[in-house]
């Protein structure tokens, strides 16, 4: 019984750990909980979002200082989305 409960609990927690976090809806704390997002970056994201919602990843990268394509890819892997979209690098 205890093993079943423990397995169910761990499964639930692991699913929650990989839940997507929409940059346009996330709180400061939710942004800071993502790997690679500290207080400074989360604050810059929140400040830009107050001006207007992010349209897409390109808009997010352009408007938030210190957020380039490399960071965008890492943050997307960590669960950050713009709307429902994960980051996809532009074709060169």
N, C-alpha and C. Protein backbone atom coordinates (compact mmCIF):
# COMPACT_ATOMS: atom_id res chain seq x y z
N UNK A 1 0.82 -1.19 0.00
CA UNK A 1 0.00 0.00 0.00
C UNK A 1 0.87 1.25 0.00
N UNK A 2 1.86 1.29 0.89
CA UNK A 2 2.74 2.46 0.98
C UNK A 2 3.53 2.63 -0.32
N UNK A 3 3.99 1.54 -0.90
CA UNK A 3 4.76 1.61 -2.14
C UNK A 3 3.91 2.17 -3.27
N UNK A 4 2.66 1.77 -3.33
CA UNK A 4 1.76 2.27 -4.37
C UNK A 4 1.55 3.77 -4.20
N UNK A 5 1.32 4.19 -2.95
CA UNK A 5 1.14 5.61 -2.67
C UNK A 5 2.39 6.39 -3.05
N UNK A 6 3.55 5.90 -2.67
CA UNK A 6 4.81 6.56 -2.97
C UNK A 6 5.03 6.65 -4.48
N UNK A 7 4.75 5.59 -5.19
CA UNK A 7 4.91 5.60 -6.65
C UNK A 7 3.97 6.62 -7.29
N UNK A 8 2.74 6.68 -6.82
CA UNK A 8 1.78 7.64 -7.36
C UNK A 8 2.23 9.07 -7.06
N UNK A 9 2.73 9.31 -5.87
CA UNK A 9 3.20 10.63 -5.49
C UNK A 9 4.38 11.06 -6.35
N UNK A 10 5.34 10.19 -6.53
CA UNK A 10 6.52 10.52 -7.34
C UNK A 10 6.14 10.76 -8.80
N UNK A 11 5.20 10.00 -9.31
CA UNK A 11 4.75 10.19 -10.68
C UNK A 11 4.10 11.56 -10.83
N UNK A 12 3.26 11.91 -9.89
CA UNK A 12 2.59 13.21 -9.92
C UNK A 12 3.60 14.35 -9.85
N UNK A 13 4.57 14.24 -8.98
CA UNK A 13 5.58 15.28 -8.84
C UNK A 13 6.45 15.40 -10.09
N UNK A 14 6.79 14.28 -10.70
CA UNK A 14 7.64 14.34 -11.90
C UNK A 14 6.89 14.93 -13.07
N UNK A 15 5.59 14.68 -13.17
CA UNK A 15 4.80 15.29 -14.23
C UNK A 15 4.74 16.79 -14.02
N UNK A 16 4.54 17.22 -12.79
CA UNK A 16 4.48 18.65 -12.47
C UNK A 16 5.79 19.35 -12.74
N UNK A 17 6.90 18.66 -12.58
CA UNK A 17 8.21 19.27 -12.79
C UNK A 17 8.43 19.64 -14.25
N UNK A 18 7.76 18.96 -15.16
CA UNK A 18 7.95 19.22 -16.58
C UNK A 18 6.77 19.97 -17.19
N UNK A 19 5.91 20.51 -16.37
CA UNK A 19 4.77 21.25 -16.88
C UNK A 19 5.26 22.54 -17.54
N UNK A 20 4.61 22.89 -18.63
CA UNK A 20 4.98 24.09 -19.35
C UNK A 20 4.62 25.34 -18.55
N UNK A 21 5.46 26.35 -18.65
CA UNK A 21 5.24 27.63 -18.00
C UNK A 21 5.14 28.68 -19.10
N UNK A 22 3.96 29.25 -19.28
CA UNK A 22 3.74 30.27 -20.31
C UNK A 22 4.30 31.60 -19.83
N UNK A 23 5.21 32.17 -20.58
CA UNK A 23 5.87 33.42 -20.19
C UNK A 23 4.86 34.56 -20.04
N UNK A 24 3.74 34.49 -20.73
CA UNK A 24 2.73 35.54 -20.65
C UNK A 24 1.78 35.40 -19.47
N UNK A 25 1.83 34.27 -18.77
CA UNK A 25 0.93 34.03 -17.65
C UNK A 25 1.65 33.74 -16.34
N UNK A 26 2.92 33.44 -16.40
CA UNK A 26 3.67 33.01 -15.22
C UNK A 26 3.89 34.14 -14.23
N UNK A 27 3.91 33.77 -12.96
CA UNK A 27 4.26 34.73 -11.91
C UNK A 27 5.79 34.84 -11.85
N UNK A 28 6.26 35.82 -11.12
CA UNK A 28 7.70 35.99 -10.92
C UNK A 28 8.28 34.70 -10.33
N UNK A 29 7.61 34.13 -9.34
CA UNK A 29 8.10 32.92 -8.68
C UNK A 29 8.13 31.74 -9.64
N UNK A 30 7.14 31.62 -10.50
CA UNK A 30 7.13 30.52 -11.48
C UNK A 30 8.27 30.66 -12.47
N UNK A 31 8.56 31.89 -12.89
CA UNK A 31 9.69 32.11 -13.80
C UNK A 31 11.01 31.77 -13.11
N UNK A 32 11.17 32.23 -11.87
CA UNK A 32 12.40 31.99 -11.13
C UNK A 32 12.62 30.51 -10.83
N UNK A 33 11.55 29.72 -10.83
CA UNK A 33 11.66 28.29 -10.56
C UNK A 33 12.23 27.52 -11.75
N UNK A 34 12.24 28.14 -12.92
CA UNK A 34 12.78 27.49 -14.11
C UNK A 34 14.30 27.47 -14.05
N UNK A 35 14.91 26.38 -14.51
CA UNK A 35 16.37 26.34 -14.54
C UNK A 35 16.92 27.43 -15.46
N UNK A 36 17.86 28.20 -14.98
CA UNK A 36 18.49 29.24 -15.78
C UNK A 36 17.84 30.61 -15.65
N UNK A 37 16.76 30.72 -14.88
CA UNK A 37 16.09 32.01 -14.68
C UNK A 37 16.32 32.45 -13.25
N UNK A 38 16.99 33.56 -13.11
CA UNK A 38 17.20 34.12 -11.78
C UNK A 38 16.27 35.31 -11.58
N UNK A 39 16.46 35.97 -10.47
CA UNK A 39 15.62 37.12 -10.13
C UNK A 39 15.73 38.23 -11.17
N UNK A 40 16.93 38.52 -11.62
CA UNK A 40 17.13 39.62 -12.57
C UNK A 40 16.41 39.36 -13.89
N UNK A 41 16.58 38.17 -14.45
CA UNK A 41 15.94 37.85 -15.73
C UNK A 41 14.42 37.81 -15.57
N UNK A 42 13.94 37.22 -14.50
CA UNK A 42 12.49 37.17 -14.28
C UNK A 42 11.92 38.58 -14.14
N UNK A 43 12.65 39.47 -13.49
CA UNK A 43 12.20 40.86 -13.33
C UNK A 43 12.13 41.56 -14.68
N UNK A 44 13.14 41.35 -15.53
CA UNK A 44 13.14 41.96 -16.87
C UNK A 44 11.98 41.43 -17.71
N UNK A 45 11.72 40.13 -17.62
CA UNK A 45 10.60 39.54 -18.36
C UNK A 45 9.29 40.15 -17.89
N UNK A 46 9.09 40.24 -16.59
CA UNK A 46 7.85 40.78 -16.03
C UNK A 46 7.67 42.25 -16.44
N UNK A 47 8.74 43.03 -16.44
CA UNK A 47 8.66 44.44 -16.81
C UNK A 47 8.24 44.60 -18.27
N UNK A 48 8.83 43.81 -19.15
CA UNK A 48 8.48 43.88 -20.56
C UNK A 48 7.05 43.38 -20.80
N UNK A 49 6.66 42.37 -20.06
CA UNK A 49 5.32 41.81 -20.23
C UNK A 49 4.25 42.82 -19.81
N UNK A 50 4.56 43.69 -18.86
CA UNK A 50 3.60 44.71 -18.44
C UNK A 50 3.30 45.68 -19.59
N UNK A 51 4.27 45.89 -20.47
CA UNK A 51 4.07 46.77 -21.62
C UNK A 51 3.11 46.13 -22.61
N UNK A 52 3.32 44.86 -22.91
CA UNK A 52 2.42 44.08 -23.77
C UNK A 52 2.88 42.63 -23.74
N UNK A 53 1.93 41.75 -24.04
CA UNK A 53 2.23 40.31 -24.05
C UNK A 53 3.25 40.01 -25.16
N UNK A 54 4.01 38.95 -24.95
CA UNK A 54 4.97 38.53 -25.96
C UNK A 54 4.22 37.78 -27.07
N UNK A 55 4.49 38.16 -28.32
CA UNK A 55 3.80 37.55 -29.46
C UNK A 55 4.34 36.17 -29.78
N UNK A 56 5.66 36.04 -29.69
CA UNK A 56 6.33 34.79 -30.02
C UNK A 56 7.73 34.82 -29.42
N UNK A 57 8.49 33.79 -29.69
CA UNK A 57 9.85 33.71 -29.12
C UNK A 57 10.73 34.84 -29.64
N UNK A 58 10.60 35.19 -30.93
CA UNK A 58 11.43 36.26 -31.49
C UNK A 58 11.16 37.57 -30.75
N UNK A 59 9.90 37.84 -30.44
CA UNK A 59 9.53 39.04 -29.71
C UNK A 59 10.13 39.02 -28.31
N UNK A 60 10.07 37.88 -27.64
CA UNK A 60 10.65 37.74 -26.30
C UNK A 60 12.15 37.98 -26.33
N UNK A 61 12.84 37.36 -27.27
CA UNK A 61 14.29 37.51 -27.38
C UNK A 61 14.68 38.95 -27.68
N UNK A 62 13.93 39.61 -28.54
CA UNK A 62 14.23 40.99 -28.92
C UNK A 62 14.02 41.96 -27.75
N UNK A 63 12.98 41.75 -26.97
CA UNK A 63 12.61 42.72 -25.94
C UNK A 63 13.30 42.52 -24.60
N UNK A 64 13.74 41.31 -24.29
CA UNK A 64 14.33 41.05 -22.96
C UNK A 64 15.85 40.99 -23.09
N UNK A 65 16.50 41.99 -22.50
CA UNK A 65 17.96 42.07 -22.53
C UNK A 65 18.56 40.83 -21.86
N UNK A 66 19.56 40.27 -22.50
CA UNK A 66 20.25 39.12 -21.94
C UNK A 66 19.65 37.78 -22.31
N UNK A 67 18.61 37.81 -23.13
CA UNK A 67 17.97 36.56 -23.55
C UNK A 67 18.22 36.38 -25.04
N UNK A 68 19.17 35.51 -25.36
CA UNK A 68 19.49 35.24 -26.75
C UNK A 68 18.96 33.89 -27.17
N UNK A 69 19.31 33.46 -28.36
CA UNK A 69 18.82 32.20 -28.90
C UNK A 69 19.28 31.01 -28.06
N UNK A 70 20.52 31.05 -27.59
CA UNK A 70 21.03 29.95 -26.77
C UNK A 70 20.26 29.81 -25.47
N UNK A 71 20.04 30.94 -24.79
CA UNK A 71 19.27 30.90 -23.55
C UNK A 71 17.83 30.51 -23.82
N UNK A 72 17.27 30.97 -24.92
CA UNK A 72 15.89 30.63 -25.26
C UNK A 72 15.74 29.12 -25.42
N UNK A 73 16.70 28.50 -26.07
CA UNK A 73 16.65 27.05 -26.26
C UNK A 73 16.71 26.32 -24.92
N UNK A 74 17.60 26.77 -24.04
CA UNK A 74 17.72 26.14 -22.71
C UNK A 74 16.46 26.34 -21.88
N UNK A 75 15.91 27.55 -21.91
CA UNK A 75 14.70 27.83 -21.13
C UNK A 75 13.52 27.03 -21.66
N UNK A 76 13.45 26.88 -22.98
CA UNK A 76 12.37 26.09 -23.57
C UNK A 76 12.49 24.63 -23.15
N UNK A 77 13.70 24.11 -23.12
CA UNK A 77 13.91 22.74 -22.66
C UNK A 77 13.52 22.58 -21.20
N UNK A 78 13.66 23.67 -20.43
CA UNK A 78 13.29 23.67 -19.02
C UNK A 78 11.80 23.85 -18.79
N UNK A 79 11.02 24.09 -19.86
CA UNK A 79 9.58 24.17 -19.73
C UNK A 79 8.95 25.51 -20.08
N UNK A 80 9.75 26.52 -20.44
CA UNK A 80 9.18 27.82 -20.77
C UNK A 80 8.57 27.78 -22.17
N UNK A 81 7.40 28.38 -22.30
CA UNK A 81 6.74 28.51 -23.60
C UNK A 81 6.28 29.95 -23.80
N UNK A 82 6.04 30.30 -25.04
CA UNK A 82 5.37 31.56 -25.36
C UNK A 82 4.04 31.12 -25.95
N UNK A 83 2.97 31.32 -25.18
CA UNK A 83 1.70 30.70 -25.54
C UNK A 83 1.86 29.21 -25.30
N UNK A 84 1.65 28.44 -26.32
CA UNK A 84 1.86 27.00 -26.20
C UNK A 84 3.10 26.55 -26.98
N UNK A 85 3.84 27.51 -27.52
CA UNK A 85 4.95 27.17 -28.41
C UNK A 85 6.27 27.05 -27.67
N UNK A 86 6.95 25.95 -27.92
CA UNK A 86 8.34 25.79 -27.47
C UNK A 86 9.23 26.53 -28.45
N UNK A 87 10.45 26.82 -28.04
CA UNK A 87 11.39 27.54 -28.90
C UNK A 87 11.87 26.65 -30.03
N UNK A 88 11.85 27.22 -31.23
CA UNK A 88 12.41 26.55 -32.40
C UNK A 88 13.35 27.54 -33.06
N UNK A 89 14.65 27.21 -33.14
CA UNK A 89 15.60 28.14 -33.74
C UNK A 89 15.23 28.47 -35.18
N UNK A 90 15.51 29.69 -35.57
CA UNK A 90 15.25 30.12 -36.94
C UNK A 90 16.17 29.37 -37.90
N UNK A 91 15.64 28.99 -39.03
CA UNK A 91 16.46 28.31 -40.05
C UNK A 91 17.43 29.32 -40.63
N UNK A 92 18.66 28.86 -40.84
CA UNK A 92 19.70 29.76 -41.38
C UNK A 92 19.97 29.45 -42.81
